[in-house]
Amino acid sequence: MNTTYWLVFDPKVKGRMWSVNSSTHDLPRPKMWRHTSVSAYKGGVTRSDDGGKTWTKSNAGMDPTAATHILLDPTSPVGARVLYVTGFGRGFTKAPIAAAPGS
C-alpha cells in the first residue's frame, strides 16, 4: 500500500484497530483521477490486534478500492464488529468483520 488514510480503534478491545489504505496517494486532489478511473484503484482495510505492530488484510466482502475513511459501529458485537468503509468515488461498504479466533 502507498497511503494510510484513516484509523479506528476498538473501544472494547485493547490494541485492536483497523486502517484504510490505498495504492493511490493525495486523494481527493483532482490530479489523481484525471487520467485513471477510480474503478481501477486498489486498497482496502487492514487490522491490528497488537496496537499497530503487525497488520493483516481484512477486506472480506469488499471490492478492492481506494479506501479513505472508516467508522466502527460501537454497538455491534465485539466478536462481529460492523465497519463502514468509504471507497473513493465508489460510496461506502457496510462490512461485518469477524474477530480473530480466541478474541
PDB file of N, CA and C in Angstrom:
ATOM      1  N   MET A   1       0.834  -1.187   0.000  1.00  0.00           N
ATOM      2  CA  MET A   1       0.000   0.000   0.000  1.00  0.00           C
ATOM      3  C   MET A   1       0.874   1.245   0.000  1.00  0.00           C
ATOM      4  N   ASN A   2       0.312   2.296  -0.478  1.00  0.00           N
ATOM      5  CA  ASN A   2       1.011   3.558  -0.583  1.00  0.00           C
ATOM      6  C   ASN A   2       0.665   4.480   0.587  1.00  0.00           C
ATOM      7  N   THR A   3      -0.626   4.596   0.894  1.00  0.00           N
ATOM      8  CA  THR A   3      -1.078   5.598   1.859  1.00  0.00           C
ATOM      9  C   THR A   3      -2.111   5.013   2.815  1.00  0.00           C
ATOM     10  N   THR A   4      -1.946   5.290   4.101  1.00  0.00           N
ATOM     11  CA  THR A   4      -2.985   5.002   5.094  1.00  0.00           C
ATOM     12  C   THR A   4      -3.748   6.300   5.304  1.00  0.00           C
ATOM     13  N   TYR A   5      -5.067   6.238   5.110  1.00  0.00           N
ATOM     14  CA  TYR A   5      -5.889   7.447   5.196  1.00  0.00           C
ATOM     15  C   TYR A   5      -6.578   7.643   6.538  1.00  0.00           C
ATOM     16  N   TRP A   6      -6.927   6.565   7.238  1.00  0.00           N
ATOM     17  CA  TRP A   6      -7.702   6.727   8.462  1.00  0.00           C
ATOM     18  C   TRP A   6      -7.511   5.509   9.352  1.00  0.00           C
ATOM     19  N   LEU A   7      -7.630   5.707  10.659  1.00  0.00           N
ATOM     20  CA  LEU A   7      -7.581   4.628  11.641  1.00  0.00           C
ATOM     21  C   LEU A   7      -8.811   4.700  12.531  1.00  0.00           C
ATOM     22  N   VAL A   8      -9.231   3.545  13.025  1.00  0.00           N
ATOM     23  CA  VAL A   8     -10.292   3.498  14.020  1.00  0.00           C
ATOM     24  C   VAL A   8      -9.877   2.451  15.057  1.00  0.00           C
ATOM     25  N   PHE A   9     -10.122   2.759  16.327  1.00  0.00           N
ATOM     26  CA  PHE A   9      -9.750   1.888  17.425  1.00  0.00           C
ATOM     27  C   PHE A   9     -10.993   1.235  18.016  1.00  0.00           C
ATOM     28  N   ASP A  10     -10.876  -0.028  18.416  1.00  0.00           N
ATOM     29  CA  ASP A  10     -11.981  -0.722  19.065  1.00  0.00           C
ATOM     30  C   ASP A  10     -12.020  -0.286  20.530  1.00  0.00           C
ATOM     31  N   PRO A  11     -13.121   0.349  20.963  1.00  0.00           N
ATOM     32  CA  PRO A  11     -13.170   0.856  22.336  1.00  0.00           C
ATOM     33  C   PRO A  11     -13.270  -0.250  23.390  1.00  0.00           C
ATOM     34  N   LYS A  12     -13.549  -1.483  22.979  1.00  0.00           N
ATOM     35  CA  LYS A  12     -13.720  -2.581  23.931  1.00  0.00           C
ATOM     36  C   LYS A  12     -12.544  -3.561  23.981  1.00  0.00           C
ATOM     37  N   VAL A  13     -11.654  -3.515  22.975  1.00  0.00           N
ATOM     38  CA  VAL A  13     -10.558  -4.477  22.908  1.00  0.00           C
ATOM     39  C   VAL A  13      -9.229  -3.723  22.821  1.00  0.00           C
ATOM     40  N   LYS A  14      -8.458  -3.798  23.883  1.00  0.00           N
ATOM     41  CA  LYS A  14      -7.166  -3.110  23.921  1.00  0.00           C
ATOM     42  C   LYS A  14      -6.263  -3.601  22.790  1.00  0.00           C
ATOM     43  N   GLY A  15      -5.710  -2.672  22.040  1.00  0.00           N
ATOM     44  CA  GLY A  15      -4.768  -2.994  20.971  1.00  0.00           C
ATOM     45  C   GLY A  15      -5.390  -3.277  19.619  1.00  0.00           C
ATOM     46  N   ARG A  16      -6.729  -3.409  19.535  1.00  0.00           N
ATOM     47  CA  ARG A  16      -7.372  -3.714  18.252  1.00  0.00           C
ATOM     48  C   ARG A  16      -7.692  -2.426  17.503  1.00  0.00           C
ATOM     49  N   MET A  17      -7.301  -2.409  16.236  1.00  0.00           N
ATOM     50  CA  MET A  17      -7.549  -1.240  15.396  1.00  0.00           C
ATOM     51  C   MET A  17      -7.615  -1.656  13.939  1.00  0.00           C
ATOM     52  N   TRP A  18      -8.240  -0.816  13.142  1.00  0.00           N
ATOM     53  CA  TRP A  18      -8.335  -1.030  11.701  1.00  0.00           C
ATOM     54  C   TRP A  18      -7.823   0.220  11.003  1.00  0.00           C
ATOM     55  N   SER A  19      -7.255   0.039   9.821  1.00  0.00           N
ATOM     56  CA  SER A  19      -6.841   1.171   8.995  1.00  0.00           C
ATOM     57  C   SER A  19      -7.405   0.976   7.596  1.00  0.00           C
ATOM     58  N   VAL A  20      -7.602   2.087   6.899  1.00  0.00           N
ATOM     59  CA  VAL A  20      -7.978   2.030   5.489  1.00  0.00           C
ATOM     60  C   VAL A  20      -6.813   2.572   4.679  1.00  0.00           C
ATOM     61  N   ASN A  21      -6.559   1.884   3.561  1.00  0.00           N
ATOM     62  CA  ASN A  21      -5.345   2.126   2.792  1.00  0.00           C
ATOM     63  C   ASN A  21      -5.642   2.159   1.303  1.00  0.00           C
ATOM     64  N   SER A  22      -4.733   2.785   0.573  1.00  0.00           N
ATOM     65  CA  SER A  22      -4.878   2.869  -0.870  1.00  0.00           C
ATOM     66  C   SER A  22      -3.509   2.884  -1.523  1.00  0.00           C
ATOM     67  N   SER A  23      -3.456   2.362  -2.740  1.00  0.00           N
ATOM     68  CA  SER A  23      -2.220   2.466  -3.514  1.00  0.00           C
ATOM     69  C   SER A  23      -2.150   3.813  -4.242  1.00  0.00           C
ATOM     70  N   THR A  24      -3.196   4.630  -4.086  1.00  0.00           N
ATOM     71  CA  THR A  24      -3.239   5.970  -4.682  1.00  0.00           C
ATOM     72  C   THR A  24      -3.098   7.011  -3.582  1.00  0.00           C
ATOM     73  N   HIS A  25      -2.154   7.893  -3.728  1.00  0.00           N
ATOM     74  CA  HIS A  25      -1.935   8.931  -2.719  1.00  0.00           C
ATOM     75  C   HIS A  25      -2.596  10.239  -3.137  1.00  0.00           C
ATOM     76  N   ASP A  26      -2.575  11.196  -2.250  1.00  0.00           N
ATOM     77  CA  ASP A  26      -3.053  12.565  -2.490  1.00  0.00           C
ATOM     78  C   ASP A  26      -4.543  12.679  -2.786  1.00  0.00           C
ATOM     79  N   LEU A  27      -5.344  11.698  -2.396  1.00  0.00           N
ATOM     80  CA  LEU A  27      -6.791  11.852  -2.559  1.00  0.00           C
ATOM     81  C   LEU A  27      -7.297  12.826  -1.508  1.00  0.00           C
ATOM     82  N   PRO A  28      -8.174  13.735  -1.844  1.00  0.00           N
ATOM     83  CA  PRO A  28      -9.020  13.794  -3.024  1.00  0.00           C
ATOM     84  C   PRO A  28      -8.564  14.787  -4.088  1.00  0.00           C
ATOM     85  N   ARG A  29      -7.297  15.052  -4.229  1.00  0.00           N
ATOM     86  CA  ARG A  29      -6.827  16.013  -5.230  1.00  0.00           C
ATOM     87  C   ARG A  29      -7.196  15.559  -6.642  1.00  0.00           C
ATOM     88  N   PRO A  30      -7.798  16.428  -7.445  1.00  0.00           N
ATOM     89  CA  PRO A  30      -8.257  16.064  -8.793  1.00  0.00           C
ATOM     90  C   PRO A  30      -7.164  15.501  -9.698  1.00  0.00           C
ATOM     91  N   LYS A  31      -5.912  15.901  -9.498  1.00  0.00           N
ATOM     92  CA  LYS A  31      -4.848  15.388 -10.370  1.00  0.00           C
ATOM     93  C   LYS A  31      -4.737  13.871 -10.309  1.00  0.00           C
ATOM     94  N   MET A  32      -5.265  13.240  -9.247  1.00  0.00           N
ATOM     95  CA  MET A  32      -5.130  11.804  -9.079  1.00  0.00           C
ATOM     96  C   MET A  32      -6.136  11.007  -9.909  1.00  0.00           C
ATOM     97  N   TRP A  33      -7.231  11.628 -10.358  1.00  0.00           N
ATOM     98  CA  TRP A  33      -8.198  10.873 -11.155  1.00  0.00           C
ATOM     99  C   TRP A  33      -8.407  11.450 -12.551  1.00  0.00           C
ATOM    100  N   ARG A  34      -7.594  12.375 -12.980  1.00  0.00           N
ATOM    101  CA  ARG A  34      -7.717  12.934 -14.323  1.00  0.00           C
ATOM    102  C   ARG A  34      -7.454  11.898 -15.415  1.00  0.00           C
ATOM    103  N   HIS A  35      -6.509  10.990 -15.159  1.00  0.00           N
ATOM    104  CA  HIS A  35      -6.095  10.052 -16.207  1.00  0.00           C
ATOM    105  C   HIS A  35      -6.359   8.586 -15.847  1.00  0.00           C
ATOM    106  N   THR A  36      -6.834   8.328 -14.627  1.00  0.00           N
ATOM    107  CA  THR A  36      -7.094   6.960 -14.193  1.00  0.00           C
ATOM    108  C   THR A  36      -8.470   6.891 -13.557  1.00  0.00           C
ATOM    109  N   SER A  37      -9.281   5.969 -13.998  1.00  0.00           N
ATOM    110  CA  SER A  37     -10.617   5.797 -13.437  1.00  0.00           C
ATOM    111  C   SER A  37     -10.529   5.314 -11.994  1.00  0.00           C
ATOM    112  N   VAL A  38     -11.409   5.817 -11.140  1.00  0.00           N
ATOM    113  CA  VAL A  38     -11.425   5.385  -9.741  1.00  0.00           C
ATOM    114  C   VAL A  38     -11.756   3.899  -9.625  1.00  0.00           C
ATOM    115  N   SER A  39     -12.361   3.317 -10.649  1.00  0.00           N
ATOM    116  CA  SER A  39     -12.674   1.885 -10.603  1.00  0.00           C
ATOM    117  C   SER A  39     -11.411   1.021 -10.662  1.00  0.00           C
ATOM    118  N   ALA A  40     -10.296   1.613 -11.057  1.00  0.00           N
ATOM    119  CA  ALA A  40      -9.030   0.873 -11.123  1.00  0.00           C
ATOM    120  C   ALA A  40      -8.220   0.990  -9.839  1.00  0.00           C
ATOM    121  N   TYR A  41      -8.651   1.799  -8.911  1.00  0.00           N
ATOM    122  CA  TYR A  41      -7.897   1.997  -7.667  1.00  0.00           C
ATOM    123  C   TYR A  41      -7.899   0.740  -6.821  1.00  0.00           C
ATOM    124  N   LYS A  42      -6.803   0.478  -6.160  1.00  0.00           N
ATOM    125  CA  LYS A  42      -6.648  -0.673  -5.274  1.00  0.00           C
ATOM    126  C   LYS A  42      -6.437  -0.188  -3.837  1.00  0.00           C
ATOM    127  N   GLY A  43      -6.829  -1.023  -2.906  1.00  0.00           N
ATOM    128  CA  GLY A  43      -6.658  -0.704  -1.493  1.00  0.00           C
ATOM    129  C   GLY A  43      -7.681  -1.469  -0.681  1.00  0.00           C
ATOM    130  N   GLY A  44      -7.812  -1.119   0.586  1.00  0.00           N
ATOM    131  CA  GLY A  44      -8.781  -1.791   1.439  1.00  0.00           C
ATOM    132  C   GLY A  44      -8.527  -1.556   2.904  1.00  0.00           C
ATOM    133  N   VAL A  45      -8.832  -2.578   3.696  1.00  0.00           N
ATOM    134  CA  VAL A  45      -8.794  -2.485   5.158  1.00  0.00           C
ATOM    135  C   VAL A  45      -7.750  -3.453   5.707  1.00  0.00           C
ATOM    136  N   THR A  46      -7.020  -3.007   6.718  1.00  0.00           N
ATOM    137  CA  THR A  46      -6.132  -3.884   7.461  1.00  0.00           C
ATOM    138  C   THR A  46      -6.486  -3.799   8.937  1.00  0.00           C
ATOM    139  N   ARG A  47      -6.103  -4.833   9.678  1.00  0.00           N
ATOM    140  CA  ARG A  47      -6.441  -4.909  11.094  1.00  0.00           C
ATOM    141  C   ARG A  47      -5.207  -5.270  11.909  1.00  0.00           C
ATOM    142  N   SER A  48      -5.107  -4.658  13.081  1.00  0.00           N
ATOM    143  CA  SER A  48      -4.052  -4.993  14.025  1.00  0.00           C
ATOM    144  C   SER A  48      -4.691  -5.344  15.362  1.00  0.00           C
ATOM    145  N   ASP A  49      -4.162  -6.361  16.007  1.00  0.00           N
ATOM    146  CA  ASP A  49      -4.613  -6.736  17.347  1.00  0.00           C
ATOM    147  C   ASP A  49      -3.530  -6.500  18.393  1.00  0.00           C
ATOM    148  N   ASP A  50      -2.426  -5.883  17.965  1.00  0.00           N
ATOM    149  CA  ASP A  50      -1.320  -5.637  18.897  1.00  0.00           C
ATOM    150  C   ASP A  50      -0.880  -4.166  18.887  1.00  0.00           C
ATOM    151  N   GLY A  51      -1.844  -3.276  18.737  1.00  0.00           N
ATOM    152  CA  GLY A  51      -1.558  -1.848  18.800  1.00  0.00           C
ATOM    153  C   GLY A  51      -0.798  -1.299  17.611  1.00  0.00           C
ATOM    154  N   GLY A  52      -0.826  -2.000  16.481  1.00  0.00           N
ATOM    155  CA  GLY A  52      -0.194  -1.500  15.267  1.00  0.00           C
ATOM    156  C   GLY A  52       1.163  -2.092  14.957  1.00  0.00           C
ATOM    157  N   LYS A  53       1.632  -3.053  15.763  1.00  0.00           N
ATOM    158  CA  LYS A  53       2.929  -3.678  15.477  1.00  0.00           C
ATOM    159  C   LYS A  53       2.858  -4.554  14.232  1.00  0.00           C
ATOM    160  N   THR A  54       1.769  -5.322  14.095  1.00  0.00           N
ATOM    161  CA  THR A  54       1.579  -6.163  12.914  1.00  0.00           C
ATOM    162  C   THR A  54       0.177  -5.931  12.363  1.00  0.00           C
ATOM    163  N   TRP A  55       0.032  -6.159  11.066  1.00  0.00           N
ATOM    164  CA  TRP A  55      -1.240  -5.906  10.374  1.00  0.00           C
ATOM    165  C   TRP A  55      -1.584  -7.080   9.469  1.00  0.00           C
ATOM    166  N   THR A  56      -2.900  -7.338   9.336  1.00  0.00           N
ATOM    167  CA  THR A  56      -3.375  -8.348   8.394  1.00  0.00           C
ATOM    168  C   THR A  56      -4.486  -7.749   7.544  1.00  0.00           C
ATOM    169  N   LYS A  57      -4.588  -8.247   6.326  1.00  0.00           N
ATOM    170  CA  LYS A  57      -5.642  -7.805   5.415  1.00  0.00           C
ATOM    171  C   LYS A  57      -6.993  -8.190   5.997  1.00  0.00           C
ATOM    172  N   SER A  58      -7.951  -7.278   5.909  1.00  0.00           N
ATOM    173  CA  SER A  58      -9.282  -7.514   6.472  1.00  0.00           C
ATOM    174  C   SER A  58     -10.340  -7.000   5.496  1.00  0.00           C
ATOM    175  N   ASN A  59     -10.291  -7.468   4.254  1.00  0.00           N
ATOM    176  CA  ASN A  59     -11.163  -6.974   3.186  1.00  0.00           C
ATOM    177  C   ASN A  59     -12.349  -7.875   2.882  1.00  0.00           C
ATOM    178  N   ALA A  60     -12.645  -8.843   3.701  1.00  0.00           N
ATOM    179  CA  ALA A  60     -13.701  -9.810   3.397  1.00  0.00           C
ATOM    180  C   ALA A  60     -14.996  -9.100   3.022  1.00  0.00           C
ATOM    181  N   GLY A  61     -15.580  -9.502   1.871  1.00  0.00           N
ATOM    182  CA  GLY A  61     -16.857  -8.952   1.430  1.00  0.00           C
ATOM    183  C   GLY A  61     -16.776  -7.573   0.804  1.00  0.00           C
ATOM    184  N   MET A  62     -15.587  -7.147   0.447  1.00  0.00           N
ATOM    185  CA  MET A  62     -15.405  -5.792  -0.070  1.00  0.00           C
ATOM    186  C   MET A  62     -14.565  -5.825  -1.345  1.00  0.00           C
ATOM    187  N   ASP A  63     -14.990  -5.105  -2.376  1.00  0.00           N
ATOM    188  CA  ASP A  63     -14.196  -4.989  -3.592  1.00  0.00           C
ATOM    189  C   ASP A  63     -12.967  -4.136  -3.322  1.00  0.00           C
ATOM    190  N   PRO A  64     -11.851  -4.386  -4.052  1.00  0.00           N
ATOM    191  CA  PRO A  64     -10.683  -3.511  -3.910  1.00  0.00           C
ATOM    192  C   PRO A  64     -11.059  -2.077  -4.273  1.00  0.00           C
ATOM    193  N   THR A  65     -10.638  -1.136  -3.456  1.00  0.00           N
ATOM    194  CA  THR A  65     -10.973   0.262  -3.675  1.00  0.00           C
ATOM    195  C   THR A  65      -9.977   1.142  -2.947  1.00  0.00           C
ATOM    196  N   ALA A  66      -9.916   2.403  -3.316  1.00  0.00           N
ATOM    197  CA  ALA A  66      -9.098   3.374  -2.590  1.00  0.00           C
ATOM    198  C   ALA A  66      -9.874   3.770  -1.340  1.00  0.00           C
ATOM    199  N   ALA A  67      -9.716   2.993  -0.286  1.00  0.00           N
ATOM    200  CA  ALA A  67     -10.450   3.248   0.960  1.00  0.00           C
ATOM    201  C   ALA A  67      -9.852   4.460   1.666  1.00  0.00           C
ATOM    202  N   THR A  68     -10.715   5.415   2.028  1.00  0.00           N
ATOM    203  CA  THR A  68     -10.215   6.654   2.628  1.00  0.00           C
ATOM    204  C   THR A  68     -10.748   6.955   4.017  1.00  0.00           C
ATOM    205  N   HIS A  69     -11.866   6.374   4.408  1.00  0.00           N
ATOM    206  CA  HIS A  69     -12.414   6.600   5.751  1.00  0.00           C
ATOM    207  C   HIS A  69     -13.047   5.320   6.275  1.00  0.00           C
ATOM    208  N   ILE A  70     -13.067   5.208   7.599  1.00  0.00           N
ATOM    209  CA  ILE A  70     -13.642   4.033   8.232  1.00  0.00           C
ATOM    210  C   ILE A  70     -14.297   4.443   9.546  1.00  0.00           C
ATOM    211  N   LEU A  71     -15.462   3.887   9.796  1.00  0.00           N
ATOM    212  CA  LEU A  71     -16.171   4.095  11.058  1.00  0.00           C
ATOM    213  C   LEU A  71     -16.514   2.738  11.646  1.00  0.00           C
ATOM    214  N   LEU A  72     -16.433   2.620  12.948  1.00  0.00           N
ATOM    215  CA  LEU A  72     -16.792   1.403  13.654  1.00  0.00           C
ATOM    216  C   LEU A  72     -18.125   1.630  14.353  1.00  0.00           C
ATOM    217  N   ASP A  73     -19.040   0.683  14.218  1.00  0.00           N
ATOM    218  CA  ASP A  73     -20.298   0.753  14.953  1.00  0.00           C
ATOM    219  C   ASP A  73     -20.028   0.204  16.352  1.00  0.00           C
ATOM    220  N   PRO A  74     -19.950   1.073  17.357  1.00  0.00           N
ATOM    221  CA  PRO A  74     -19.602   0.615  18.709  1.00  0.00           C
ATOM    222  C   PRO A  74     -20.693  -0.232  19.359  1.00  0.00           C
ATOM    223  N   THR A  75     -21.903  -0.253  18.765  1.00  0.00           N
ATOM    224  CA  THR A  75     -22.969  -1.086  19.312  1.00  0.00           C
ATOM    225  C   THR A  75     -22.964  -2.493  18.718  1.00  0.00           C
ATOM    226  N   SER A  76     -22.113  -2.743  17.722  1.00  0.00           N
ATOM    227  CA  SER A  76     -22.024  -4.082  17.133  1.00  0.00           C
ATOM    228  C   SER A  76     -21.298  -5.012  18.111  1.00  0.00           C
ATOM    229  N   PRO A  77     -21.581  -6.315  18.036  1.00  0.00           N
ATOM    230  CA  PRO A  77     -20.937  -7.260  18.957  1.00  0.00           C
ATOM    231  C   PRO A  77     -19.417  -7.264  18.793  1.00  0.00           C
ATOM    232  N   VAL A  78     -18.701  -7.385  19.881  1.00  0.00           N
ATOM    233  CA  VAL A  78     -17.242  -7.370  19.839  1.00  0.00           C
ATOM    234  C   VAL A  78     -16.697  -8.457  18.922  1.00  0.00           C
ATOM    235  N   GLY A  79     -17.325  -9.619  18.876  1.00  0.00           N
ATOM    236  CA  GLY A  79     -16.853 -10.712  18.035  1.00  0.00           C
ATOM    237  C   GLY A  79     -17.258 -10.609  16.574  1.00  0.00           C
ATOM    238  N   ALA A  80     -18.080  -9.619  16.242  1.00  0.00           N
ATOM    239  CA  ALA A  80     -18.541  -9.438  14.850  1.00  0.00           C
ATOM    240  C   ALA A  80     -18.752  -7.953  14.597  1.00  0.00           C
ATOM    241  N   ARG A  81     -17.696  -7.196  14.683  1.00  0.00           N
ATOM    242  CA  ARG A  81     -17.771  -5.747  14.512  1.00  0.00           C
ATOM    243  C   ARG A  81     -18.289  -5.380  13.131  1.00  0.00           C
ATOM    244  N   VAL A  82     -19.057  -4.301  13.072  1.00  0.00           N
ATOM    245  CA  VAL A  82     -19.525  -3.761  11.805  1.00  0.00           C
ATOM    246  C   VAL A  82     -18.727  -2.491  11.536  1.00  0.00           C
ATOM    247  N   LEU A  83     -18.128  -2.448  10.346  1.00  0.00           N
ATOM    248  CA  LEU A  83     -17.353  -1.291   9.912  1.00  0.00           C
ATOM    249  C   LEU A  83     -18.016  -0.681   8.690  1.00  0.00           C
ATOM    250  N   TYR A  84     -17.961   0.625   8.597  1.00  0.00           N
ATOM    251  CA  TYR A  84     -18.412   1.356   7.412  1.00  0.00           C
ATOM    252  C   TYR A  84     -17.168   1.932   6.760  1.00  0.00           C
ATOM    253  N   VAL A  85     -16.930   1.548   5.511  1.00  0.00           N
ATOM    254  CA  VAL A  85     -15.710   1.928   4.804  1.00  0.00           C
ATOM    255  C   VAL A  85     -16.077   2.671   3.532  1.00  0.00           C
ATOM    256  N   THR A  86     -15.476   3.843   3.325  1.00  0.00           N
ATOM    257  CA  THR A  86     -15.705   4.570   2.082  1.00  0.00           C
ATOM    258  C   THR A  86     -14.621   4.213   1.074  1.00  0.00           C
ATOM    259  N   GLY A  87     -15.060   4.017  -0.160  1.00  0.00           N
ATOM    260  CA  GLY A  87     -14.146   3.800  -1.271  1.00  0.00           C
ATOM    261  C   GLY A  87     -14.222   5.035  -2.161  1.00  0.00           C
ATOM    262  N   PHE A  88     -13.116   5.666  -2.396  1.00  0.00           N
ATOM    263  CA  PHE A  88     -13.101   6.917  -3.140  1.00  0.00           C
ATOM    264  C   PHE A  88     -13.796   6.759  -4.480  1.00  0.00           C
ATOM    265  N   GLY A  89     -14.847   7.550  -4.704  1.00  0.00           N
ATOM    266  CA  GLY A  89     -15.604   7.511  -5.939  1.00  0.00           C
ATOM    267  C   GLY A  89     -16.532   6.318  -6.058  1.00  0.00           C
ATOM    268  N   ARG A  90     -16.667   5.517  -4.989  1.00  0.00           N
ATOM    269  CA  ARG A  90     -17.462   4.292  -5.048  1.00  0.00           C
ATOM    270  C   ARG A  90     -18.486   4.185  -3.921  1.00  0.00           C
ATOM    271  N   GLY A  91     -18.623   5.179  -3.091  1.00  0.00           N
ATOM    272  CA  GLY A  91     -19.587   5.106  -2.000  1.00  0.00           C
ATOM    273  C   GLY A  91     -19.013   4.388  -0.794  1.00  0.00           C
ATOM    274  N   PHE A  92     -19.902   3.734  -0.017  1.00  0.00           N
ATOM    275  CA  PHE A  92     -19.412   3.054   1.174  1.00  0.00           C
ATOM    276  C   PHE A  92     -19.870   1.604   1.203  1.00  0.00           C
ATOM    277  N   THR A  93     -19.179   0.835   2.019  1.00  0.00           N
ATOM    278  CA  THR A  93     -19.477  -0.578   2.244  1.00  0.00           C
ATOM    279  C   THR A  93     -19.741  -0.765   3.725  1.00  0.00           C
ATOM    280  N   LYS A  94     -20.784  -1.495   4.058  1.00  0.00           N
ATOM    281  CA  LYS A  94     -21.048  -1.899   5.441  1.00  0.00           C
ATOM    282  C   LYS A  94     -20.547  -3.321   5.551  1.00  0.00           C
ATOM    283  N   ALA A  95     -19.509  -3.526   6.336  1.00  0.00           N
ATOM    284  CA  ALA A  95     -18.865  -4.831   6.377  1.00  0.00           C
ATOM    285  C   ALA A  95     -18.843  -5.396   7.791  1.00  0.00           C
ATOM    286  N   PRO A  96     -19.472  -6.567   7.996  1.00  0.00           N
ATOM    287  CA  PRO A  96     -19.282  -7.238   9.282  1.00  0.00           C
ATOM    288  C   PRO A  96     -17.900  -7.886   9.291  1.00  0.00           C
ATOM    289  N   ILE A  97     -17.133  -7.629  10.314  1.00  0.00           N
ATOM    290  CA  ILE A  97     -15.779  -8.145  10.402  1.00  0.00           C
ATOM    291  C   ILE A  97     -15.712  -9.096  11.593  1.00  0.00           C
ATOM    292  N   ALA A  98     -15.500 -10.355  11.340  1.00  0.00           N
ATOM    293  CA  ALA A  98     -15.417 -11.342  12.424  1.00  0.00           C
ATOM    294  C   ALA A  98     -14.115 -11.140  13.190  1.00  0.00           C
ATOM    295  N   ALA A  99     -14.180 -11.353  14.471  1.00  0.00           N
ATOM    296  CA  ALA A  99     -12.990 -11.246  15.314  1.00  0.00           C
ATOM    297  C   ALA A  99     -12.061 -12.417  15.042  1.00  0.00           C
ATOM    298  N   ALA A 100     -10.812 -12.246  15.388  1.00  0.00           N
ATOM    299  CA  ALA A 100      -9.844 -13.324  15.246  1.00  0.00           C
ATOM    300  C   ALA A 100     -10.198 -14.447  16.221  1.00  0.00           C
ATOM    301  N   PRO A 101      -9.871 -15.693  15.887  1.00  0.00           N
ATOM    302  CA  PRO A 101     -10.150 -16.807  16.798  1.00  0.00           C
ATOM    303  C   PRO A 101      -9.563 -16.542  18.178  1.00  0.00           C
ATOM    304  N   GLY A 102     -10.337 -16.817  19.195  1.00  0.00           N
ATOM    305  CA  GLY A 102      -9.893 -16.603  20.572  1.00  0.00           C
ATOM    306  C   GLY A 102     -10.069 -15.197  21.080  1.00  0.00           C
ATOM    307  N   SER A 103     -10.669 -14.325  20.255  1.00  0.00           N
ATOM    308  CA  SER A 103     -10.850 -12.926  20.675  1.00  0.00           C
ATOM    309  C   SER A 103     -12.086 -12.773  21.525  1.00  0.00           C
TER     310      SER A 103
END
